[in-house]
Amino acid sequence: MEILTYNSNSRISTATTTSVPRHFFKVESIGAYNPNDGISSGWALEISLDVEYAHVLAPNAGIILYVANPNATLPQIIAYIDQQDQVSVVSQSFGIPEIYVALGLLPLSMIQSMNYEYWLGEVEGITFVASSGDGGGNGYNFFLSPLGNLVLPASDPYVLAVGGTSLYYSNGSSIQTAWSGESLFGASTGGYSVIFPSPWYQDSKGFRMVPDVVADGNPYTGVPVTYYYNISELVGGTSVASPLVAGIIALAVQVHGRLGFINPLIYSLNGTKAIVPVNYGYNTPYLVNGTPNPVTGLGYINAGYFVSMVKPTEFISVAVQNTTYLDGQTVNLIVNASPSIQPSAQIYNGSSVVGQISLTYNGTFWTGSFQASGSGVEEIIVTQGTQVSEHTLPLEFKHSIFFLRWPSIRRLEIYQS
């Protein structure tokens, strides 16, 4: 078994029986699939990478590898994971460029379905992590423009986006810089979404910025992966970074329990020893300039401090009656928050606050409503005292109806403490 060879190479102890790892690893299918496709498509190497490097950081965590039928849509896959509710952390090492949405090749309604399933999973306590991509600041745009260059699901505000660094060892300590370079030749993907307004944990200024955090990703400072027939290959990319961060989060889950929507918790640790800024590098056209930034985000996670400092926190829950609205339709808002303090609600479109929502307590929840206007994605931000929450809301022009299949997604790596 590859995992046993990897354990031996990495000096990870196994159970008393030499044929069985200490904690479980299982494969669960979402629809029928051909396991032989993994070798020819290259996904087998990707899977080996993700499983091994989540395992090396969190060796006491069980791992479930979900393999999906190529005809399954991403919202369907995440919905299945939500429904099973077996896991604490999900690592995703794939990307669908936002430019497909910007050009109308993918409908906004599909984005909302995806967004809803991530939100629902995090309400259950699942944390979603995704690779930001390996195309720098403009490599995923057909025209080499930064617009539409981010990839889904990393750009979704309910997903923790992980970029890449270059990792060096010098004078007895490690040093990390950005995984820098020209986009077409490989570099950590980052920039600003053309779909999602900036979430409140990024101060609601402009549009969603990616990445949130970084970890080793440069192929030249990559990692050895035990692959087919126990061959060892050196691999890099943000496909390394995502399972590394997922493994760190799994360690925190073992201490604190499920963390769910972790993005606000991580941003609250900015400026502490748990998050170390990465202050040098670029990804074309962006430069590292301040923290956070669209190259290295907040920086990399110091696992020891992070596990001790991150704490589960009660957040305001915000929901709307439907998932997609037409121009002029009434949007009913429900907020689960303390009845003792009057919350405020604002509508944000990525550029400015375009409206206020009056909330009334009905004895159980705070409720309110407003009229949807225009098209695109708007964000409802609810504040109560020092607590903040949000809900993203897609708006479509009347009679804009789309029918389009989602691109094939072949697998997800799932980590359970």
Protein backbone atom coordinates (compact mmCIF):
# COMPACT_ATOMS: atom_id res chain seq x y z
CA MET A 1 0.00 0.00 0.00
CA GLU A 2 1.27 3.47 -0.91
CA ILE A 3 0.21 4.93 2.44
CA LEU A 4 2.33 2.38 4.33
CA THR A 5 5.39 3.16 2.20
CA TYR A 6 4.76 6.86 2.76
CA ASN A 7 4.44 6.30 6.52
CA SER A 8 7.77 4.51 6.52
CA ASN A 9 9.49 7.20 4.45
CA SER A 10 8.03 9.96 6.64
CA ARG A 11 8.65 8.08 9.94
CA ILE A 12 4.97 8.05 10.86
CA SER A 13 4.19 5.21 13.24
CA THR A 14 1.46 2.72 12.38
CA ALA A 15 -0.68 0.34 14.40
CA THR A 16 0.72 -2.84 15.91
CA THR A 17 -0.36 -4.74 12.80
CA THR A 18 2.08 -3.69 10.10
CA SER A 19 -0.51 -3.87 7.35
CA VAL A 20 -3.00 -1.35 8.77
CA PRO A 21 -2.38 2.38 9.44
CA ARG A 22 -3.29 3.65 12.90
CA HIS A 23 -6.31 5.58 11.67
CA PHE A 24 -8.66 4.83 8.84
CA PHE A 25 -8.48 5.72 5.18
CA LYS A 26 -11.40 4.89 2.94
CA VAL A 27 -12.64 5.70 -0.54
CA GLU A 28 -16.27 6.66 -1.01
CA SER A 29 -17.78 7.13 -4.45
CA ILE A 30 -20.37 9.68 -5.49
CA GLY A 31 -21.85 7.84 -8.45
CA ALA A 32 -20.07 5.25 -10.60
CA TYR A 33 -16.48 5.83 -11.69
CA ASN A 34 -13.62 3.88 -13.28
CA PRO A 35 -10.67 3.68 -10.85
CA ASN A 36 -8.27 3.09 -13.75
CA ASP A 37 -8.99 6.61 -15.04
CA GLY A 38 -6.87 8.08 -12.23
CA ILE A 39 -3.57 7.01 -13.82
CA SER A 40 -4.33 8.15 -17.38
CA SER A 41 -5.87 11.46 -16.30
CA GLY A 42 -3.16 12.36 -13.78
CA TRP A 43 -5.61 12.56 -10.88
CA ALA A 44 -3.95 9.60 -9.15
CA LEU A 45 -0.80 11.63 -8.50
CA GLU A 46 -2.94 14.52 -7.27
CA ILE A 47 -4.84 12.22 -4.94
CA SER A 48 -1.61 10.70 -3.57
CA LEU A 49 -0.29 14.20 -2.89
CA ASP A 50 -3.38 15.41 -1.09
CA VAL A 51 -3.88 12.33 1.05
CA GLU A 52 -0.23 12.00 2.03
CA TYR A 53 0.36 15.61 3.05
CA ALA A 54 -2.84 15.98 5.02
CA HIS A 55 -1.85 12.72 6.72
CA VAL A 56 1.71 13.81 7.53
CA LEU A 57 0.48 16.94 9.33
CA ALA A 58 -2.48 15.28 11.05
CA PRO A 59 -1.51 11.60 11.39
CA ASN A 60 -4.29 10.93 13.91
CA ALA A 61 -7.02 12.08 11.51
CA GLY A 62 -9.03 9.61 9.48
CA ILE A 63 -9.20 10.39 5.76
CA ILE A 64 -12.11 9.86 3.39
CA LEU A 65 -11.39 10.19 -0.31
CA TYR A 66 -14.57 11.13 -2.17
CA VAL A 67 -14.41 10.22 -5.87
CA ALA A 68 -17.21 11.62 -8.00
CA ASN A 69 -18.68 10.55 -11.31
CA PRO A 70 -17.46 13.03 -13.98
CA ASN A 71 -21.09 13.91 -14.79
CA ALA A 72 -21.83 15.03 -11.24
CA THR A 73 -21.94 18.80 -10.76
CA LEU A 74 -19.93 20.53 -8.06
CA PRO A 75 -23.08 21.63 -6.16
CA GLN A 76 -24.29 18.01 -6.23
CA ILE A 77 -20.98 16.75 -4.86
CA ILE A 78 -20.87 19.28 -2.02
CA ALA A 79 -24.55 18.59 -1.27
CA TYR A 80 -23.72 14.89 -0.90
CA ILE A 81 -20.86 15.68 1.50
CA ASP A 82 -23.18 17.98 3.47
CA GLN A 83 -25.85 15.30 3.65
CA GLN A 84 -23.42 12.59 4.81
CA ASP A 85 -21.95 14.98 7.41
CA GLN A 86 -19.06 12.61 8.17
CA VAL A 87 -16.14 15.01 8.04
CA SER A 88 -14.66 18.10 9.65
CA VAL A 89 -12.40 19.51 6.92
CA VAL A 90 -12.61 19.30 3.11
CA SER A 91 -9.55 20.00 0.92
CA GLN A 92 -10.13 20.79 -2.76
CA SER A 93 -7.29 20.97 -5.27
CA PHE A 94 -8.98 22.05 -8.50
CA GLY A 95 -10.23 25.26 -10.00
CA ILE A 96 -12.80 26.65 -12.45
CA PRO A 97 -11.82 30.15 -13.70
CA GLU A 98 -14.28 32.94 -12.92
CA ILE A 99 -13.92 34.19 -16.50
CA TYR A 100 -16.33 31.42 -17.53
CA VAL A 101 -18.96 33.19 -15.43
CA ALA A 102 -17.91 36.67 -16.60
CA LEU A 103 -18.34 35.60 -20.25
CA GLY A 104 -21.69 33.92 -19.59
CA LEU A 105 -20.40 30.39 -20.17
CA LEU A 106 -21.52 29.43 -16.68
CA PRO A 107 -24.76 30.85 -15.19
CA LEU A 108 -24.90 32.83 -11.98
CA SER A 109 -27.56 30.43 -10.69
CA MET A 110 -25.01 27.62 -10.66
CA ILE A 111 -22.63 29.79 -8.64
CA GLN A 112 -25.38 30.40 -6.11
CA SER A 113 -26.12 26.69 -5.84
CA MET A 114 -22.45 26.09 -5.10
CA ASN A 115 -22.34 28.97 -2.63
CA TYR A 116 -25.42 27.66 -0.83
CA GLU A 117 -23.99 24.15 -0.40
CA TYR A 118 -20.75 25.52 1.07
CA TRP A 119 -22.74 27.73 3.44
CA LEU A 120 -24.94 24.80 4.47
CA GLY A 121 -21.92 22.57 5.16
CA GLU A 122 -20.28 25.19 7.31
CA VAL A 123 -23.46 25.59 9.34
CA GLU A 124 -23.04 21.85 10.08
CA GLY A 125 -19.45 22.48 11.18
CA ILE A 126 -17.52 21.50 8.03
CA THR A 127 -14.54 23.67 7.02
CA PHE A 128 -13.89 23.99 3.27
CA VAL A 129 -10.36 24.68 2.00
CA ALA A 130 -9.31 25.15 -1.66
CA SER A 131 -6.18 25.75 -3.71
CA SER A 132 -6.05 29.28 -5.15
CA GLY A 133 -4.42 28.05 -8.38
CA ASP A 134 -1.05 27.99 -10.14
CA GLY A 135 -1.63 30.64 -12.84
CA GLY A 136 -0.38 33.77 -11.09
CA GLY A 137 -2.38 36.97 -11.32
CA ASN A 138 -3.60 36.58 -14.91
CA GLY A 139 -2.81 33.08 -16.27
CA TYR A 140 -6.39 31.75 -16.13
CA ASN A 141 -7.79 34.62 -18.20
CA PHE A 142 -7.76 33.92 -21.95
CA PHE A 143 -6.56 37.49 -22.52
CA LEU A 144 -3.94 37.53 -19.71
CA SER A 145 -6.00 40.04 -17.77
CA PRO A 146 -6.40 39.84 -13.98
CA LEU A 147 -10.19 40.18 -14.42
CA GLY A 148 -11.86 36.79 -14.08
CA ASN A 149 -8.55 35.13 -13.26
CA LEU A 150 -9.51 33.75 -9.86
CA VAL A 151 -10.78 30.19 -9.70
CA LEU A 152 -13.78 28.64 -8.01
CA PRO A 153 -14.26 27.36 -5.38
CA ALA A 154 -11.31 29.26 -3.83
CA SER A 155 -12.88 32.64 -4.59
CA ASP A 156 -16.11 31.74 -2.78
CA PRO A 157 -16.24 33.75 0.49
CA TYR A 158 -17.32 30.61 2.39
CA VAL A 159 -14.15 28.76 1.33
CA LEU A 160 -10.65 29.29 2.76
CA ALA A 161 -8.41 30.09 -0.24
CA VAL A 162 -4.83 28.85 0.04
CA GLY A 163 -2.05 30.28 -2.13
CA GLY A 164 1.53 29.10 -2.54
CA THR A 165 4.93 30.11 -1.15
CA SER A 166 8.56 29.23 -1.78
CA LEU A 167 9.99 27.52 1.30
CA TYR A 168 13.71 27.75 2.12
CA TYR A 169 15.92 26.61 4.96
CA SER A 170 18.58 29.05 6.09
CA ASN A 171 20.75 29.41 9.21
CA GLY A 172 18.77 26.89 11.19
CA SER A 173 15.32 28.24 10.39
CA SER A 174 12.79 28.25 7.56
CA ILE A 175 12.00 31.27 5.39
CA GLN A 176 8.98 31.69 3.13
CA THR A 177 8.52 34.11 0.25
CA ALA A 178 5.72 34.25 -2.29
CA TRP A 179 5.74 31.64 -5.05
CA SER A 180 6.64 34.30 -7.58
CA GLY A 181 6.78 34.26 -11.37
CA GLU A 182 5.09 35.04 -14.64
CA SER A 183 1.64 33.49 -14.72
CA LEU A 184 2.09 31.27 -17.77
CA PHE A 185 5.18 29.69 -16.23
CA GLY A 186 3.58 29.08 -12.83
CA ALA A 187 3.01 31.28 -9.80
CA SER A 188 0.57 31.44 -6.91
CA THR A 189 -2.84 32.67 -8.11
CA GLY A 190 -4.32 35.70 -6.39
CA GLY A 191 -6.29 38.82 -7.09
CA TYR A 192 -9.86 40.08 -6.84
CA SER A 193 -13.10 38.31 -7.66
CA VAL A 194 -15.39 39.55 -10.42
CA ILE A 195 -18.32 37.71 -8.78
CA PHE A 196 -18.25 38.04 -5.00
CA PRO A 197 -18.22 41.34 -3.07
CA SER A 198 -15.65 41.61 -0.32
CA PRO A 199 -16.88 39.70 2.77
CA TRP A 200 -17.04 41.44 6.12
CA TYR A 201 -13.93 39.66 7.39
CA GLN A 202 -12.06 41.50 4.58
CA ASP A 203 -13.64 44.80 5.65
CA SER A 204 -16.23 44.86 2.83
CA LYS A 205 -14.03 46.96 0.54
CA GLY A 206 -14.32 46.20 -3.17
CA PHE A 207 -14.48 42.54 -4.12
CA ARG A 208 -13.35 39.29 -2.51
CA MET A 209 -9.55 39.04 -2.35
CA VAL A 210 -7.67 35.75 -2.76
CA PRO A 211 -5.72 34.08 -1.18
CA ASP A 212 -6.58 34.11 2.50
CA VAL A 213 -3.46 32.25 3.64
CA VAL A 214 -0.49 30.52 2.00
CA ALA A 215 1.67 27.42 2.39
CA ASP A 216 4.49 25.77 0.44
CA GLY A 217 3.59 25.56 -3.25
CA ASN A 218 6.58 26.36 -5.48
CA PRO A 219 7.47 23.16 -7.41
CA TYR A 220 11.17 23.96 -6.93
CA THR A 221 10.64 23.78 -3.17
CA GLY A 222 8.00 21.09 -3.49
CA VAL A 223 7.43 17.78 -1.72
CA PRO A 224 8.14 14.10 -2.51
CA VAL A 225 5.01 12.07 -3.22
CA THR A 226 4.81 8.27 -3.08
CA TYR A 227 2.91 7.35 -6.24
CA TYR A 228 2.01 4.39 -8.45
CA TYR A 229 4.13 1.29 -7.69
CA ASN A 230 5.69 3.28 -4.82
CA ILE A 231 7.54 5.61 -7.19
CA SER A 232 8.56 8.90 -5.55
CA GLU A 233 7.96 12.15 -7.47
CA LEU A 234 8.67 15.78 -6.55
CA VAL A 235 5.41 17.77 -6.76
CA GLY A 236 4.47 21.40 -6.20
CA GLY A 237 1.65 23.86 -6.81
CA THR A 238 -1.12 25.11 -4.56
CA SER A 239 -2.33 21.50 -4.65
CA VAL A 240 0.37 21.03 -1.99
CA ALA A 241 -0.69 24.10 -0.03
CA SER A 242 -4.37 23.19 0.37
CA PRO A 243 -3.93 19.78 2.09
CA LEU A 244 -1.16 21.21 4.27
CA VAL A 245 -3.54 23.85 5.63
CA ALA A 246 -6.35 21.28 5.86
CA GLY A 247 -4.04 19.15 8.00
CA ILE A 248 -3.32 22.07 10.33
CA ILE A 249 -7.04 22.75 10.71
CA ALA A 250 -7.62 19.04 11.44
CA LEU A 251 -5.13 19.37 14.33
CA ALA A 252 -7.15 22.29 15.70
CA VAL A 253 -10.38 20.30 15.33
CA GLN A 254 -8.90 17.52 17.46
CA VAL A 255 -8.37 20.06 20.26
CA HIS A 256 -11.40 22.35 19.95
CA GLY A 257 -13.99 20.36 18.01
CA ARG A 258 -15.45 21.31 14.67
CA LEU A 259 -14.70 24.86 13.54
CA GLY A 260 -16.97 25.20 10.50
CA PHE A 261 -16.71 28.63 8.86
CA ILE A 262 -13.11 29.33 9.78
CA ASN A 263 -12.36 32.41 7.66
CA PRO A 264 -13.48 34.98 10.27
CA LEU A 265 -11.54 33.11 12.97
CA ILE A 266 -8.34 33.20 10.90
CA TYR A 267 -8.72 36.89 10.04
CA SER A 268 -9.24 37.64 13.74
CA LEU A 269 -5.76 36.16 14.34
CA ASN A 270 -4.09 38.61 11.94
CA GLY A 271 -1.27 40.34 13.82
CA THR A 272 -0.76 37.46 16.25
CA LYS A 273 1.92 34.76 16.32
CA ALA A 274 -0.56 32.34 14.72
CA ILE A 275 -0.28 34.06 11.33
CA VAL A 276 3.14 34.98 9.92
CA PRO A 277 3.12 37.62 7.13
CA VAL A 278 5.03 36.83 3.91
CA ASN A 279 6.51 40.15 2.87
CA TYR A 280 8.33 39.48 -0.40
CA GLY A 281 7.25 38.38 -3.88
CA TYR A 282 4.83 38.91 -6.77
CA ASN A 283 2.50 36.96 -9.05
CA THR A 284 2.09 39.35 -12.03
CA PRO A 285 0.57 41.90 -11.95
CA TYR A 286 0.35 42.04 -8.14
CA LEU A 287 3.14 42.72 -5.66
CA VAL A 288 3.31 41.85 -1.99
CA ASN A 289 2.47 45.19 -0.40
CA GLY A 290 1.11 45.14 3.12
CA THR A 291 -1.03 42.51 4.83
CA PRO A 292 -3.33 41.11 3.61
CA ASN A 293 -2.47 41.29 -0.10
CA PRO A 294 -3.49 39.47 -3.32
CA VAL A 295 -0.25 37.48 -3.49
CA THR A 296 0.25 36.00 -0.01
CA GLY A 297 -2.96 36.97 1.78
CA LEU A 298 -2.52 37.17 5.55
CA GLY A 299 0.60 34.97 5.38
CA TYR A 300 1.28 31.41 6.47
CA ILE A 301 -0.10 29.62 9.53
CA ASN A 302 2.18 28.82 12.47
CA ALA A 303 0.55 25.52 13.39
CA GLY A 304 1.57 25.45 17.06
CA TYR A 305 0.30 28.91 17.88
CA PHE A 306 -2.74 28.49 15.63
CA VAL A 307 -3.97 25.33 17.33
CA SER A 308 -3.65 26.94 20.76
CA MET A 309 -5.11 30.32 19.80
CA VAL A 310 -8.00 29.58 17.45
CA LYS A 311 -11.30 29.31 19.31
CA PRO A 312 -14.81 28.40 18.14
CA THR A 313 -17.03 31.47 18.31
CA GLU A 314 -20.76 32.00 18.13
CA PHE A 315 -21.68 33.92 15.00
CA ILE A 316 -24.84 35.58 13.81
CA SER A 317 -26.74 33.33 11.37
CA VAL A 318 -28.21 35.05 8.32
CA ALA A 319 -30.51 33.48 5.71
CA VAL A 320 -32.87 34.54 2.93
CA GLN A 321 -36.03 32.79 1.80
CA ASN A 322 -34.80 31.83 -1.69
CA THR A 323 -31.39 31.43 -3.30
CA THR A 324 -31.89 33.54 -6.46
CA TYR A 325 -34.06 36.59 -7.03
CA LEU A 326 -35.44 38.46 -10.04
CA ASP A 327 -35.33 42.21 -10.43
CA GLY A 328 -38.06 43.75 -8.24
CA GLN A 329 -38.76 40.60 -6.21
CA THR A 330 -39.18 40.83 -2.44
CA VAL A 331 -36.32 39.34 -0.42
CA ASN A 332 -37.26 38.12 3.06
CA LEU A 333 -34.38 38.10 5.53
CA ILE A 334 -34.11 35.99 8.73
CA VAL A 335 -31.42 36.60 11.34
CA ASN A 336 -30.68 34.34 14.31
CA ALA A 337 -29.05 36.61 16.89
CA SER A 338 -29.39 37.79 20.45
CA PRO A 339 -32.75 39.48 21.12
CA SER A 340 -31.16 41.98 23.53
CA ILE A 341 -29.29 44.17 21.00
CA GLN A 342 -30.82 45.70 17.88
CA PRO A 343 -28.84 44.44 14.84
CA SER A 344 -28.29 46.51 11.69
CA ALA A 345 -28.37 45.14 8.12
CA GLN A 346 -26.82 46.65 5.00
CA ILE A 347 -26.82 45.70 1.31
CA TYR A 348 -23.38 45.83 -0.32
CA ASN A 349 -22.69 45.38 -4.07
CA GLY A 350 -18.90 45.35 -4.15
CA SER A 351 -18.60 49.10 -4.60
CA SER A 352 -20.80 50.72 -2.01
CA VAL A 353 -23.62 50.17 0.46
CA VAL A 354 -26.80 50.45 -1.63
CA GLY A 355 -29.42 50.01 1.05
CA GLN A 356 -30.39 49.43 4.67
CA ILE A 357 -32.79 46.76 5.95
CA SER A 358 -35.00 47.36 8.96
CA LEU A 359 -35.07 44.34 11.29
CA THR A 360 -37.84 43.49 13.77
CA TYR A 361 -37.69 40.81 16.49
CA ASN A 362 -40.66 38.41 16.30
CA GLY A 363 -39.97 36.56 19.54
CA THR A 364 -37.70 33.98 17.88
CA PHE A 365 -35.76 35.66 15.05
CA TRP A 366 -35.00 39.09 13.65
CA THR A 367 -36.79 39.53 10.30
CA GLY A 368 -36.90 42.10 7.54
CA SER A 369 -37.37 42.48 3.79
CA PHE A 370 -36.31 44.59 0.80
CA GLN A 371 -36.78 44.74 -2.97
CA ALA A 372 -34.11 43.08 -5.14
CA SER A 373 -32.77 45.40 -7.83
CA GLY A 374 -30.47 44.89 -10.81
CA SER A 375 -28.25 41.90 -11.56
CA GLY A 376 -25.09 40.33 -10.19
CA VAL A 377 -24.19 39.32 -6.62
CA GLU A 378 -25.02 41.44 -3.60
CA GLU A 379 -24.06 40.87 0.00
CA ILE A 380 -26.22 41.34 3.08
CA ILE A 381 -24.08 42.29 6.08
CA VAL A 382 -25.64 42.05 9.55
CA THR A 383 -23.90 43.60 12.55
CA GLN A 384 -24.81 43.23 16.22
CA GLY A 385 -22.40 44.72 18.71
CA THR A 386 -18.99 43.29 17.76
CA GLN A 387 -20.43 40.32 15.85
CA VAL A 388 -20.84 40.41 12.08
CA SER A 389 -22.27 37.96 9.56
CA GLU A 390 -23.31 38.01 5.92
CA HIS A 391 -25.27 36.32 3.15
CA THR A 392 -24.45 36.60 -0.53
CA LEU A 393 -27.39 37.10 -2.84
CA PRO A 394 -27.37 36.64 -6.65
CA LEU A 395 -29.72 38.85 -8.62
CA GLU A 396 -30.73 38.09 -12.20
CA PHE A 397 -32.56 40.27 -14.72
CA LYS A 398 -36.11 39.17 -15.38
CA HIS A 399 -36.40 36.44 -18.05
CA SER A 400 -32.67 35.62 -17.82
CA ILE A 401 -32.85 31.81 -17.70
CA PHE A 402 -29.76 29.66 -18.23
CA PHE A 403 -29.22 25.95 -18.78
CA LEU A 404 -25.61 24.77 -18.75
CA ARG A 405 -23.72 21.80 -17.34
CA TRP A 406 -20.91 22.28 -14.82
CA PRO A 407 -17.39 21.11 -15.86
CA SER A 408 -16.34 17.65 -14.70
CA ILE A 409 -15.00 17.38 -11.17
CA ARG A 410 -13.33 14.06 -10.51
CA ARG A 411 -12.43 14.02 -6.86
CA LEU A 412 -12.32 15.74 -3.49
CA GLU A 413 -10.13 14.94 -0.50
CA ILE A 414 -11.90 14.91 2.84
CA TYR A 415 -10.24 14.97 6.25
CA GLN A 416 -11.90 13.90 9.44
CA SER A 417 -10.53 14.15 12.96
